[in-house]
Amino acid sequence: MLSDIRERFTGKPALVVLGVLAFSFIFFGIGEFTFLGGAYAAKVEDTEISVNQLDRAYQNQLLQFSDYGNLPVETRQILKANSLERLIRDTMVEVYVRDEGYRISDTQIANVLQAEPEFQENGEFSSEMYYAWLDVRALNPRNFEARQALTMRTGQLLRGIGATAFVTPTEYRRYLNLYAERRQATLAVFDIVALANTVVVREEDVTTYYEARPDDFYTQESVDFEFLEVNRATLSQEIEIAEDVLQQYYEDSGSRFQWDEQRQARHILLTVEDGDEVAAEQQAIALTARVNAGEPFEDLSTPKMAAQPTPVAISGQ
């Protein structure tokens, strides 16, 4: 029986299935084997592999990496292609064992499940523990048992192939040689600090090393910009302006060259004593005449204070 299993799996049916799979990969590629417009990701004979199945298998692959969020796009594509390839391979095996009539009875499935330690209490199978285990994992009992039956049928196929396999004497000798092979390695440990103390680097050695590797000491350009420098002193030497142009500019912009009128005043303060304003006025006239005659203003400014003065101011520029 085991020989018959091997012959059927390695015969024409298996070649036909593999040929269909290879044909699909040639025209669609592994990385693009998802039909976004269809209801499935791939199809083996009449068995469809849904997009949800592929997504779950792909997510399980990602979860095996602690930093899966930082994986490059290329790595993600490879993982997705591997997930699809694994699903197709498993589906091919499922289709083959179904078409070849591999069967597992309900009694066999029950015996396997009842023998699982996870479902036993005090050495006896507990249906309560079994259903509780399924509830925690949100598994449907019928689907779970069907999956176990498929695993057992696939196991029959694998055992049949393994049990009927043969090894040539040459392969067996090669296996024994590799299994019994022993290698001897020698390890040398160098103390970097102690070794560095014995090395003398001369100036000419550094220069020679640098000149032989000029490209190793260049960094990539990080800034590239263009600029235009305008120098007023240089431009002014090259510009000639005609007199009429300057005159016209002055007339058009005359307001820019005007200044507000400014005056600087000085004055002599005379006080009026006993209300004699006439005497104070005559004194002011006399001082004004002397200022106009050219006498220094500072010499004439002799302040006088009164108890209650009435000021009379003589101003001069």
C-alpha atoms as a PDB file:
ATOM      1  CA  MET A   1       0.000   0.000   0.000  1.00  0.00           C
ATOM      2  CA  LEU A   2       2.768   2.435   0.875  1.00  0.00           C
ATOM      3  CA  SER A   3       4.504   1.728  -2.429  1.00  0.00           C
ATOM      4  CA  ASP A   4       1.254   2.395  -4.251  1.00  0.00           C
ATOM      5  CA  ILE A   5       0.915   5.758  -2.466  1.00  0.00           C
ATOM      6  CA  ARG A   6       4.374   6.795  -3.537  1.00  0.00           C
ATOM      7  CA  GLU A   7       3.905   5.716  -7.145  1.00  0.00           C
ATOM      8  CA  ARG A   8       0.620   7.586  -7.472  1.00  0.00           C
ATOM      9  CA  PHE A   9       1.953  10.791  -5.950  1.00  0.00           C
ATOM     10  CA  THR A  10       5.144  10.804  -8.018  1.00  0.00           C
ATOM     11  CA  GLY A  11       3.374   9.791 -11.202  1.00  0.00           C
ATOM     12  CA  LYS A  12       1.470  11.633 -13.895  1.00  0.00           C
ATOM     13  CA  PRO A  13      -1.178  13.313 -11.654  1.00  0.00           C
ATOM     14  CA  ALA A  14       1.475  15.018  -9.564  1.00  0.00           C
ATOM     15  CA  LEU A  15       3.307  16.198 -12.682  1.00  0.00           C
ATOM     16  CA  VAL A  16       0.089  17.642 -14.076  1.00  0.00           C
ATOM     17  CA  VAL A  17      -0.578  19.611 -10.874  1.00  0.00           C
ATOM     18  CA  LEU A  18       2.997  20.883 -10.710  1.00  0.00           C
ATOM     19  CA  GLY A  19       2.817  21.847 -14.382  1.00  0.00           C
ATOM     20  CA  VAL A  20      -0.316  23.925 -13.800  1.00  0.00           C
ATOM     21  CA  LEU A  21       1.360  25.619 -10.840  1.00  0.00           C
ATOM     22  CA  ALA A  22       4.531  26.375 -12.815  1.00  0.00           C
ATOM     23  CA  PHE A  23       2.449  27.734 -15.721  1.00  0.00           C
ATOM     24  CA  SER A  24       0.712  30.153 -13.355  1.00  0.00           C
ATOM     25  CA  PHE A  25       4.015  31.364 -11.886  1.00  0.00           C
ATOM     26  CA  ILE A  26       5.505  31.924 -15.341  1.00  0.00           C
ATOM     27  CA  PHE A  27       2.711  34.217 -16.484  1.00  0.00           C
ATOM     28  CA  PHE A  28       1.746  35.911 -13.206  1.00  0.00           C
ATOM     29  CA  GLY A  29       4.844  35.654 -11.007  1.00  0.00           C
ATOM     30  CA  ILE A  30       4.875  34.644  -7.389  1.00  0.00           C
ATOM     31  CA  GLY A  31       4.827  38.226  -6.134  1.00  0.00           C
ATOM     32  CA  GLU A  32       1.723  39.087  -8.195  1.00  0.00           C
ATOM     33  CA  PHE A  33      -0.352  35.937  -7.715  1.00  0.00           C
ATOM     34  CA  THR A  34      -3.247  37.781  -6.074  1.00  0.00           C
ATOM     35  CA  PHE A  35      -6.282  38.455  -8.261  1.00  0.00           C
ATOM     36  CA  LEU A  36      -7.635  41.654  -6.724  1.00  0.00           C
ATOM     37  CA  GLY A  37     -10.660  41.624  -8.991  1.00  0.00           C
ATOM     38  CA  GLY A  38     -11.619  38.036  -8.048  1.00  0.00           C
ATOM     39  CA  ALA A  39     -12.918  36.343  -4.935  1.00  0.00           C
ATOM     40  CA  TYR A  40      -9.774  34.277  -4.390  1.00  0.00           C
ATOM     41  CA  ALA A  41      -6.009  34.652  -4.380  1.00  0.00           C
ATOM     42  CA  ALA A  42      -5.270  31.389  -6.212  1.00  0.00           C
ATOM     43  CA  LYS A  43      -7.050  28.237  -7.326  1.00  0.00           C
ATOM     44  CA  VAL A  44      -5.879  24.627  -7.438  1.00  0.00           C
ATOM     45  CA  GLU A  45      -8.270  22.613  -9.620  1.00  0.00           C
ATOM     46  CA  ASP A  46     -11.683  23.375  -8.071  1.00  0.00           C
ATOM     47  CA  THR A  47     -10.324  24.443  -4.675  1.00  0.00           C
ATOM     48  CA  GLU A  48     -10.020  28.163  -4.120  1.00  0.00           C
ATOM     49  CA  ILE A  49      -7.551  29.912  -1.811  1.00  0.00           C
ATOM     50  CA  SER A  50      -9.335  33.017  -0.582  1.00  0.00           C
ATOM     51  CA  VAL A  51      -7.751  36.419  -0.186  1.00  0.00           C
ATOM     52  CA  ASN A  52      -8.555  36.240   3.531  1.00  0.00           C
ATOM     53  CA  GLN A  53      -6.590  32.996   3.809  1.00  0.00           C
ATOM     54  CA  LEU A  54      -3.607  34.625   2.169  1.00  0.00           C
ATOM     55  CA  ASP A  55      -3.890  37.683   4.430  1.00  0.00           C
ATOM     56  CA  ARG A  56      -3.992  35.529   7.569  1.00  0.00           C
ATOM     57  CA  ALA A  57      -1.002  33.467   6.443  1.00  0.00           C
ATOM     58  CA  TYR A  58       0.881  36.657   5.560  1.00  0.00           C
ATOM     59  CA  GLN A  59       0.104  38.266   8.923  1.00  0.00           C
ATOM     60  CA  ASN A  60       1.316  35.123  10.721  1.00  0.00           C
ATOM     61  CA  GLN A  61       4.579  35.415   8.807  1.00  0.00           C
ATOM     62  CA  LEU A  62       4.958  39.079   9.812  1.00  0.00           C
ATOM     63  CA  LEU A  63       4.328  38.346  13.487  1.00  0.00           C
ATOM     64  CA  GLN A  64       7.429  36.174  13.543  1.00  0.00           C
ATOM     65  CA  PHE A  65       9.493  39.385  13.315  1.00  0.00           C
ATOM     66  CA  SER A  66       9.680  41.580  16.420  1.00  0.00           C
ATOM     67  CA  ASP A  67      10.144  44.729  14.311  1.00  0.00           C
ATOM     68  CA  TYR A  68       7.798  43.765  11.473  1.00  0.00           C
ATOM     69  CA  GLY A  69       6.582  47.371  11.270  1.00  0.00           C
ATOM     70  CA  ASN A  70      10.026  48.422   9.944  1.00  0.00           C
ATOM     71  CA  LEU A  71      10.458  45.661   7.365  1.00  0.00           C
ATOM     72  CA  PRO A  72      11.396  46.920   3.866  1.00  0.00           C
ATOM     73  CA  VAL A  73       8.851  46.642   1.080  1.00  0.00           C
ATOM     74  CA  GLU A  74      11.001  44.053  -0.724  1.00  0.00           C
ATOM     75  CA  THR A  75      11.035  41.797   2.352  1.00  0.00           C
ATOM     76  CA  ARG A  76       7.260  42.084   2.727  1.00  0.00           C
ATOM     77  CA  GLN A  77       6.787  41.078  -0.899  1.00  0.00           C
ATOM     78  CA  ILE A  78       8.969  38.009  -0.390  1.00  0.00           C
ATOM     79  CA  LEU A  79       7.028  37.022   2.747  1.00  0.00           C
ATOM     80  CA  LYS A  80       3.715  37.389   0.958  1.00  0.00           C
ATOM     81  CA  ALA A  81       4.959  35.339  -1.990  1.00  0.00           C
ATOM     82  CA  ASN A  82       6.196  32.619   0.386  1.00  0.00           C
ATOM     83  CA  SER A  83       2.834  32.593   2.176  1.00  0.00           C
ATOM     84  CA  LEU A  84       0.976  32.135  -1.096  1.00  0.00           C
ATOM     85  CA  GLU A  85       3.386  29.445  -2.254  1.00  0.00           C
ATOM     86  CA  ARG A  86       2.926  27.540   1.018  1.00  0.00           C
ATOM     87  CA  LEU A  87      -0.870  27.750   0.736  1.00  0.00           C
ATOM     88  CA  ILE A  88      -0.774  26.507  -2.854  1.00  0.00           C
ATOM     89  CA  ARG A  89       1.504  23.616  -1.915  1.00  0.00           C
ATOM     90  CA  ASP A  90      -0.713  22.604   1.014  1.00  0.00           C
ATOM     91  CA  THR A  91      -3.831  22.878  -1.141  1.00  0.00           C
ATOM     92  CA  MET A  92      -2.243  20.685  -3.810  1.00  0.00           C
ATOM     93  CA  VAL A  93      -1.606  18.020  -1.198  1.00  0.00           C
ATOM     94  CA  GLU A  94      -5.181  18.354   0.107  1.00  0.00           C
ATOM     95  CA  VAL A  95      -6.618  17.986  -3.391  1.00  0.00           C
ATOM     96  CA  TYR A  96      -4.447  14.976  -4.073  1.00  0.00           C
ATOM     97  CA  VAL A  97      -5.334  13.064  -0.897  1.00  0.00           C
ATOM     98  CA  ARG A  98      -9.011  13.865  -1.514  1.00  0.00           C
ATOM     99  CA  ASP A  99      -8.988  12.697  -5.119  1.00  0.00           C
ATOM    100  CA  GLU A 100      -6.964   9.569  -4.287  1.00  0.00           C
ATOM    101  CA  GLY A 101      -9.503   8.473  -1.701  1.00  0.00           C
ATOM    102  CA  TYR A 102      -7.581   8.898   1.544  1.00  0.00           C
ATOM    103  CA  ARG A 103     -10.088   8.641   4.370  1.00  0.00           C
ATOM    104  CA  ILE A 104     -10.068   9.085   8.127  1.00  0.00           C
ATOM    105  CA  SER A 105     -13.021   7.804  10.115  1.00  0.00           C
ATOM    106  CA  ASP A 106     -14.791   9.736  12.856  1.00  0.00           C
ATOM    107  CA  THR A 107     -13.613   7.118  15.322  1.00  0.00           C
ATOM    108  CA  GLN A 108      -9.982   7.735  14.405  1.00  0.00           C
ATOM    109  CA  ILE A 109     -10.400  11.473  14.859  1.00  0.00           C
ATOM    110  CA  ALA A 110     -12.141  10.989  18.194  1.00  0.00           C
ATOM    111  CA  ASN A 111      -9.380   8.692  19.420  1.00  0.00           C
ATOM    112  CA  VAL A 112      -6.682  11.224  18.504  1.00  0.00           C
ATOM    113  CA  LEU A 113      -8.479  14.146  20.167  1.00  0.00           C
ATOM    114  CA  GLN A 114      -9.337  12.193  23.297  1.00  0.00           C
ATOM    115  CA  ALA A 115      -5.686  11.223  23.683  1.00  0.00           C
ATOM    116  CA  GLU A 116      -4.568  14.868  23.776  1.00  0.00           C
ATOM    117  CA  PRO A 117      -3.443  15.861  27.326  1.00  0.00           C
ATOM    118  CA  GLU A 118      -4.956  19.325  26.872  1.00  0.00           C
ATOM    119  CA  PHE A 119      -8.438  17.832  26.760  1.00  0.00           C
ATOM    120  CA  GLN A 120      -8.033  15.429  29.685  1.00  0.00           C
ATOM    121  CA  GLU A 121      -8.906  15.776  33.335  1.00  0.00           C
ATOM    122  CA  ASN A 122      -7.584  13.190  35.790  1.00  0.00           C
ATOM    123  CA  GLY A 123      -6.479  11.057  32.834  1.00  0.00           C
ATOM    124  CA  GLU A 124      -9.937  11.088  31.194  1.00  0.00           C
ATOM    125  CA  PHE A 125     -11.208  13.028  28.188  1.00  0.00           C
ATOM    126  CA  SER A 126     -13.309  16.047  29.221  1.00  0.00           C
ATOM    127  CA  SER A 127     -15.725  17.457  26.666  1.00  0.00           C
ATOM    128  CA  GLU A 128     -16.050  20.607  28.792  1.00  0.00           C
ATOM    129  CA  MET A 129     -12.303  21.254  28.537  1.00  0.00           C
ATOM    130  CA  TYR A 130     -12.383  20.469  24.823  1.00  0.00           C
ATOM    131  CA  TYR A 131     -15.145  22.977  24.026  1.00  0.00           C
ATOM    132  CA  ALA A 132     -13.653  25.575  26.372  1.00  0.00           C
ATOM    133  CA  TRP A 133     -10.349  25.254  24.530  1.00  0.00           C
ATOM    134  CA  LEU A 134     -12.154  25.823  21.218  1.00  0.00           C
ATOM    135  CA  ASP A 135     -14.109  28.802  22.582  1.00  0.00           C
ATOM    136  CA  VAL A 136     -10.948  30.557  23.755  1.00  0.00           C
ATOM    137  CA  ARG A 137      -9.537  30.287  20.223  1.00  0.00           C
ATOM    138  CA  ALA A 138     -12.860  31.091  18.519  1.00  0.00           C
ATOM    139  CA  LEU A 139     -12.758  27.788  16.619  1.00  0.00           C
ATOM    140  CA  ASN A 140     -15.764  25.960  15.227  1.00  0.00           C
ATOM    141  CA  PRO A 141     -15.709  22.299  16.373  1.00  0.00           C
ATOM    142  CA  ARG A 142     -16.741  20.985  12.944  1.00  0.00           C
ATOM    143  CA  ASN A 143     -14.074  22.997  11.117  1.00  0.00           C
ATOM    144  CA  PHE A 144     -11.417  22.107  13.687  1.00  0.00           C
ATOM    145  CA  GLU A 145     -12.157  18.367  13.429  1.00  0.00           C
ATOM    146  CA  ALA A 146     -12.226  18.566   9.634  1.00  0.00           C
ATOM    147  CA  ARG A 147      -8.821  20.190   9.739  1.00  0.00           C
ATOM    148  CA  GLN A 148      -7.509  17.418  11.992  1.00  0.00           C
ATOM    149  CA  ALA A 149      -8.836  14.818   9.566  1.00  0.00           C
ATOM    150  CA  LEU A 150      -7.027  16.542   6.692  1.00  0.00           C
ATOM    151  CA  THR A 151      -3.805  16.603   8.713  1.00  0.00           C
ATOM    152  CA  MET A 152      -4.121  12.896   9.406  1.00  0.00           C
ATOM    153  CA  ARG A 153      -4.788  12.100   5.724  1.00  0.00           C
ATOM    154  CA  THR A 154      -1.763  14.164   4.731  1.00  0.00           C
ATOM    155  CA  GLY A 155       0.270  12.294   7.344  1.00  0.00           C
ATOM    156  CA  GLN A 156      -0.710   9.026   5.679  1.00  0.00           C
ATOM    157  CA  LEU A 157       0.634  10.301   2.389  1.00  0.00           C
ATOM    158  CA  LEU A 158       3.907  11.503   3.893  1.00  0.00           C
ATOM    159  CA  ARG A 159       4.449   8.260   5.767  1.00  0.00           C
ATOM    160  CA  GLY A 160       3.783   6.311   2.582  1.00  0.00           C
ATOM    161  CA  ILE A 161       6.391   8.315   0.662  1.00  0.00           C
ATOM    162  CA  GLY A 162       8.924   8.119   3.464  1.00  0.00           C
ATOM    163  CA  ALA A 163       8.493   4.434   4.098  1.00  0.00           C
ATOM    164  CA  THR A 164       9.013   3.483   0.438  1.00  0.00           C
ATOM    165  CA  ALA A 165      11.943   5.797  -0.190  1.00  0.00           C
ATOM    166  CA  PHE A 166      15.296   4.213  -0.956  1.00  0.00           C
ATOM    167  CA  VAL A 167      18.896   5.393  -0.760  1.00  0.00           C
ATOM    168  CA  THR A 168      21.667   4.349  -3.092  1.00  0.00           C
ATOM    169  CA  PRO A 169      24.917   3.012  -1.613  1.00  0.00           C
ATOM    170  CA  THR A 170      26.765   6.113  -2.795  1.00  0.00           C
ATOM    171  CA  GLU A 171      24.288   8.416  -1.062  1.00  0.00           C
ATOM    172  CA  TYR A 172      24.424   6.331   2.103  1.00  0.00           C
ATOM    173  CA  ARG A 173      28.232   6.472   2.213  1.00  0.00           C
ATOM    174  CA  ARG A 174      28.115  10.199   1.676  1.00  0.00           C
ATOM    175  CA  TYR A 175      25.648  10.495   4.542  1.00  0.00           C
ATOM    176  CA  LEU A 176      27.875   8.473   6.851  1.00  0.00           C
ATOM    177  CA  ASN A 177      30.913  10.533   5.921  1.00  0.00           C
ATOM    178  CA  LEU A 178      29.121  13.768   6.669  1.00  0.00           C
ATOM    179  CA  TYR A 179      27.550  12.444   9.863  1.00  0.00           C
ATOM    180  CA  ALA A 180      30.865  11.243  11.239  1.00  0.00           C
ATOM    181  CA  GLU A 181      32.899  14.121   9.920  1.00  0.00           C
ATOM    182  CA  ARG A 182      35.033  15.962  12.450  1.00  0.00           C
ATOM    183  CA  ARG A 183      36.893  19.206  11.870  1.00  0.00           C
ATOM    184  CA  GLN A 184      39.680  20.836  13.817  1.00  0.00           C
ATOM    185  CA  ALA A 185      39.888  24.605  14.055  1.00  0.00           C
ATOM    186  CA  THR A 186      42.623  26.826  15.449  1.00  0.00           C
ATOM    187  CA  LEU A 187      41.673  30.104  17.086  1.00  0.00           C
ATOM    188  CA  ALA A 188      44.042  33.043  17.447  1.00  0.00           C
ATOM    189  CA  VAL A 189      43.124  35.936  19.761  1.00  0.00           C
ATOM    190  CA  PHE A 190      44.874  39.288  19.376  1.00  0.00           C
ATOM    191  CA  ASP A 191      44.990  42.000  22.006  1.00  0.00           C
ATOM    192  CA  ILE A 192      44.271  45.130  19.971  1.00  0.00           C
ATOM    193  CA  VAL A 193      45.581  47.525  22.619  1.00  0.00           C
ATOM    194  CA  ALA A 194      48.858  45.667  23.115  1.00  0.00           C
ATOM    195  CA  LEU A 195      49.287  45.264  19.374  1.00  0.00           C
ATOM    196  CA  ALA A 196      48.655  48.958  18.718  1.00  0.00           C
ATOM    197  CA  ASN A 197      51.406  49.954  21.133  1.00  0.00           C
ATOM    198  CA  THR A 198      53.957  48.138  18.998  1.00  0.00           C
ATOM    199  CA  VAL A 199      52.939  49.847  15.760  1.00  0.00           C
ATOM    200  CA  VAL A 200      54.837  52.982  14.725  1.00  0.00           C
ATOM    201  CA  VAL A 201      53.172  55.145  12.082  1.00  0.00           C
ATOM    202  CA  ARG A 202      55.464  57.641  10.398  1.00  0.00           C
ATOM    203  CA  GLU A 203      54.367  60.880   8.741  1.00  0.00           C
ATOM    204  CA  GLU A 204      55.412  59.673   5.307  1.00  0.00           C
ATOM    205  CA  ASP A 205      53.346  56.506   5.795  1.00  0.00           C
ATOM    206  CA  VAL A 206      50.263  58.602   6.499  1.00  0.00           C
ATOM    207  CA  THR A 207      50.909  60.769   3.452  1.00  0.00           C
ATOM    208  CA  THR A 208      51.418  57.758   1.216  1.00  0.00           C
ATOM    209  CA  TYR A 209      48.230  56.102   2.467  1.00  0.00           C
ATOM    210  CA  TYR A 210      46.221  59.302   1.931  1.00  0.00           C
ATOM    211  CA  GLU A 211      47.549  59.946  -1.568  1.00  0.00           C
ATOM    212  CA  ALA A 212      46.819  56.348  -2.595  1.00  0.00           C
ATOM    213  CA  ARG A 213      43.170  56.632  -1.494  1.00  0.00           C
ATOM    214  CA  PRO A 214      41.999  60.212  -2.146  1.00  0.00           C
ATOM    215  CA  ASP A 215      38.382  59.159  -2.822  1.00  0.00           C
ATOM    216  CA  ASP A 216      38.061  57.543   0.625  1.00  0.00           C
ATOM    217  CA  PHE A 217      38.221  60.925   2.334  1.00  0.00           C
ATOM    218  CA  TYR A 218      35.569  62.731   0.321  1.00  0.00           C
ATOM    219  CA  THR A 219      32.022  63.107   1.558  1.00  0.00           C
ATOM    220  CA  GLN A 220      28.990  63.317  -0.649  1.00  0.00           C
ATOM    221  CA  GLU A 221      27.856  66.804  -1.578  1.00  0.00           C
ATOM    222  CA  SER A 222      25.057  67.847   0.750  1.00  0.00           C
ATOM    223  CA  VAL A 223      24.337  71.411  -0.433  1.00  0.00           C
ATOM    224  CA  ASP A 224      24.364  72.745  -3.969  1.00  0.00           C
ATOM    225  CA  PHE A 225      23.297  76.344  -4.577  1.00  0.00           C
ATOM    226  CA  GLU A 226      23.977  79.285  -6.891  1.00  0.00           C
ATOM    227  CA  PHE A 227      24.211  82.944  -5.903  1.00  0.00           C
ATOM    228  CA  LEU A 228      24.733  86.360  -7.464  1.00  0.00           C
ATOM    229  CA  GLU A 229      26.959  88.914  -5.710  1.00  0.00           C
ATOM    230  CA  VAL A 230      26.206  92.613  -6.270  1.00  0.00           C
ATOM    231  CA  ASN A 231      28.999  94.956  -5.189  1.00  0.00           C
ATOM    232  CA  ARG A 232      27.925  98.622  -5.032  1.00  0.00           C
ATOM    233  CA  ALA A 233      31.480  99.965  -5.162  1.00  0.00           C
ATOM    234  CA  THR A 234      32.264  97.975  -8.317  1.00  0.00           C
ATOM    235  CA  LEU A 235      29.022  98.905 -10.022  1.00  0.00           C
ATOM    236  CA  SER A 236      29.429 102.618  -9.252  1.00  0.00           C
ATOM    237  CA  GLN A 237      32.750 102.666 -11.112  1.00  0.00           C
ATOM    238  CA  GLU A 238      31.136 101.322 -14.251  1.00  0.00           C
ATOM    239  CA  ILE A 239      28.126 103.673 -14.276  1.00  0.00           C
ATOM    240  CA  GLU A 240      28.247 107.153 -15.817  1.00  0.00           C
ATOM    241  CA  ILE A 241      25.352 109.565 -15.161  1.00  0.00           C
ATOM    242  CA  ALA A 242      24.885 112.744 -17.242  1.00  0.00           C
ATOM    243  CA  GLU A 243      24.327 116.115 -15.630  1.00  0.00           C
ATOM    244  CA  ASP A 244      20.839 116.540 -17.093  1.00  0.00           C
ATOM    245  CA  VAL A 245      19.835 113.157 -15.680  1.00  0.00           C
ATOM    246  CA  LEU A 246      20.924 114.212 -12.202  1.00  0.00           C
ATOM    247  CA  GLN A 247      19.068 117.531 -12.555  1.00  0.00           C
ATOM    248  CA  GLN A 248      15.897 115.803 -13.644  1.00  0.00           C
ATOM    249  CA  TYR A 249      16.157 113.296 -10.793  1.00  0.00           C
ATOM    250  CA  TYR A 250      16.603 116.141  -8.305  1.00  0.00           C
ATOM    251  CA  GLU A 251      13.543 117.958  -9.616  1.00  0.00           C
ATOM    252  CA  ASP A 252      11.436 114.793  -9.551  1.00  0.00           C
ATOM    253  CA  SER A 253      12.576 113.893  -6.035  1.00  0.00           C
ATOM    254  CA  GLY A 254      13.063 117.359  -4.562  1.00  0.00           C
ATOM    255  CA  SER A 255      11.104 116.546  -1.425  1.00  0.00           C
ATOM    256  CA  ARG A 256      13.698 113.936  -0.472  1.00  0.00           C
ATOM    257  CA  PHE A 257      16.400 116.620  -0.202  1.00  0.00           C
ATOM    258  CA  GLN A 258      14.486 119.150   1.953  1.00  0.00           C
ATOM    259  CA  TRP A 259      14.988 119.586   5.682  1.00  0.00           C
ATOM    260  CA  ASP A 260      12.702 121.165   8.241  1.00  0.00           C
ATOM    261  CA  GLU A 261      13.706 124.687   9.343  1.00  0.00           C
ATOM    262  CA  GLN A 262      15.761 124.692  12.508  1.00  0.00           C
ATOM    263  CA  ARG A 263      16.756 127.629  14.773  1.00  0.00           C
ATOM    264  CA  GLN A 264      19.019 127.928  17.794  1.00  0.00           C
ATOM    265  CA  ALA A 265      17.978 130.763  20.140  1.00  0.00           C
ATOM    266  CA  ARG A 266      19.712 132.578  23.025  1.00  0.00           C
ATOM    267  CA  HIS A 267      18.160 135.215  25.279  1.00  0.00           C
ATOM    268  CA  ILE A 268      18.878 137.600  28.159  1.00  0.00           C
ATOM    269  CA  LEU A 269      16.258 137.679  30.869  1.00  0.00           C
ATOM    270  CA  LEU A 270      15.717 141.141  32.470  1.00  0.00           C
ATOM    271  CA  THR A 271      13.741 141.518  35.684  1.00  0.00           C
ATOM    272  CA  VAL A 272      11.439 144.449  36.310  1.00  0.00           C
ATOM    273  CA  GLU A 273      11.849 145.925  39.779  1.00  0.00           C
ATOM    274  CA  ASP A 274       9.077 147.982  41.421  1.00  0.00           C
ATOM    275  CA  GLY A 275       7.046 147.780  38.225  1.00  0.00           C
ATOM    276  CA  ASP A 276       9.360 150.041  36.239  1.00  0.00           C
ATOM    277  CA  GLU A 277       8.677 148.439  32.868  1.00  0.00           C
ATOM    278  CA  VAL A 278       9.800 151.513  30.934  1.00  0.00           C
ATOM    279  CA  ALA A 279      13.326 151.301  32.373  1.00  0.00           C
ATOM    280  CA  ALA A 280      13.434 147.579  31.585  1.00  0.00           C
ATOM    281  CA  GLU A 281      12.322 148.182  28.021  1.00  0.00           C
ATOM    282  CA  GLN A 282      14.976 150.871  27.487  1.00  0.00           C
ATOM    283  CA  GLN A 283      17.624 148.507  28.846  1.00  0.00           C
ATOM    284  CA  ALA A 284      16.480 145.794  26.455  1.00  0.00           C
ATOM    285  CA  ILE A 285      16.678 148.184  23.474  1.00  0.00           C
ATOM    286  CA  ALA A 286      20.200 149.216  24.497  1.00  0.00           C
ATOM    287  CA  LEU A 287      21.371 145.598  24.796  1.00  0.00           C
ATOM    288  CA  THR A 288      19.853 144.728  21.437  1.00  0.00           C
ATOM    289  CA  ALA A 289      21.747 147.594  19.813  1.00  0.00           C
ATOM    290  CA  ARG A 290      25.017 146.401  21.307  1.00  0.00           C
ATOM    291  CA  VAL A 291      24.389 142.816  20.040  1.00  0.00           C
ATOM    292  CA  ASN A 292      23.677 144.103  16.547  1.00  0.00           C
ATOM    293  CA  ALA A 293      26.865 146.179  16.733  1.00  0.00           C
ATOM    294  CA  GLY A 294      28.844 142.973  17.137  1.00  0.00           C
ATOM    295  CA  GLU A 295      29.460 142.859  20.843  1.00  0.00           C
ATOM    296  CA  PRO A 296      29.657 139.245  22.111  1.00  0.00           C
ATOM    297  CA  PHE A 297      26.288 138.046  23.314  1.00  0.00           C
ATOM    298  CA  GLU A 298      27.843 136.118  26.188  1.00  0.00           C
ATOM    299  CA  ASP A 299      29.406 139.332  27.606  1.00  0.00           C
ATOM    300  CA  LEU A 300      26.057 141.079  27.722  1.00  0.00           C
ATOM    301  CA  SER A 301      24.119 138.242  29.407  1.00  0.00           C
ATOM    302  CA  THR A 302      24.389 139.093  33.096  1.00  0.00           C
ATOM    303  CA  PRO A 303      21.305 137.652  34.835  1.00  0.00           C
ATOM    304  CA  LYS A 304      19.630 139.670  37.568  1.00  0.00           C
ATOM    305  CA  MET A 305      17.075 138.251  39.983  1.00  0.00           C
ATOM    306  CA  ALA A 306      14.177 140.097  41.652  1.00  0.00           C
ATOM    307  CA  ALA A 307      11.887 139.067  44.398  1.00  0.00           C
ATOM    308  CA  GLN A 308       8.871 138.991  42.084  1.00  0.00           C
ATOM    309  CA  PRO A 309      10.275 139.448  38.590  1.00  0.00           C
ATOM    310  CA  THR A 310       8.323 140.287  35.482  1.00  0.00           C
ATOM    311  CA  PRO A 311      10.494 138.825  32.708  1.00  0.00           C
ATOM    312  CA  VAL A 312      11.372 140.670  29.550  1.00  0.00           C
ATOM    313  CA  ALA A 313      13.280 138.583  27.052  1.00  0.00           C
ATOM    314  CA  ILE A 314      15.846 139.737  24.542  1.00  0.00           C
ATOM    315  CA  SER A 315      16.502 137.006  22.030  1.00  0.00           C
ATOM    316  CA  GLY A 316      19.371 136.579  19.671  1.00  0.00           C
ATOM    317  CA  GLN A 317      20.614 133.937  17.252  1.00  0.00           C
END
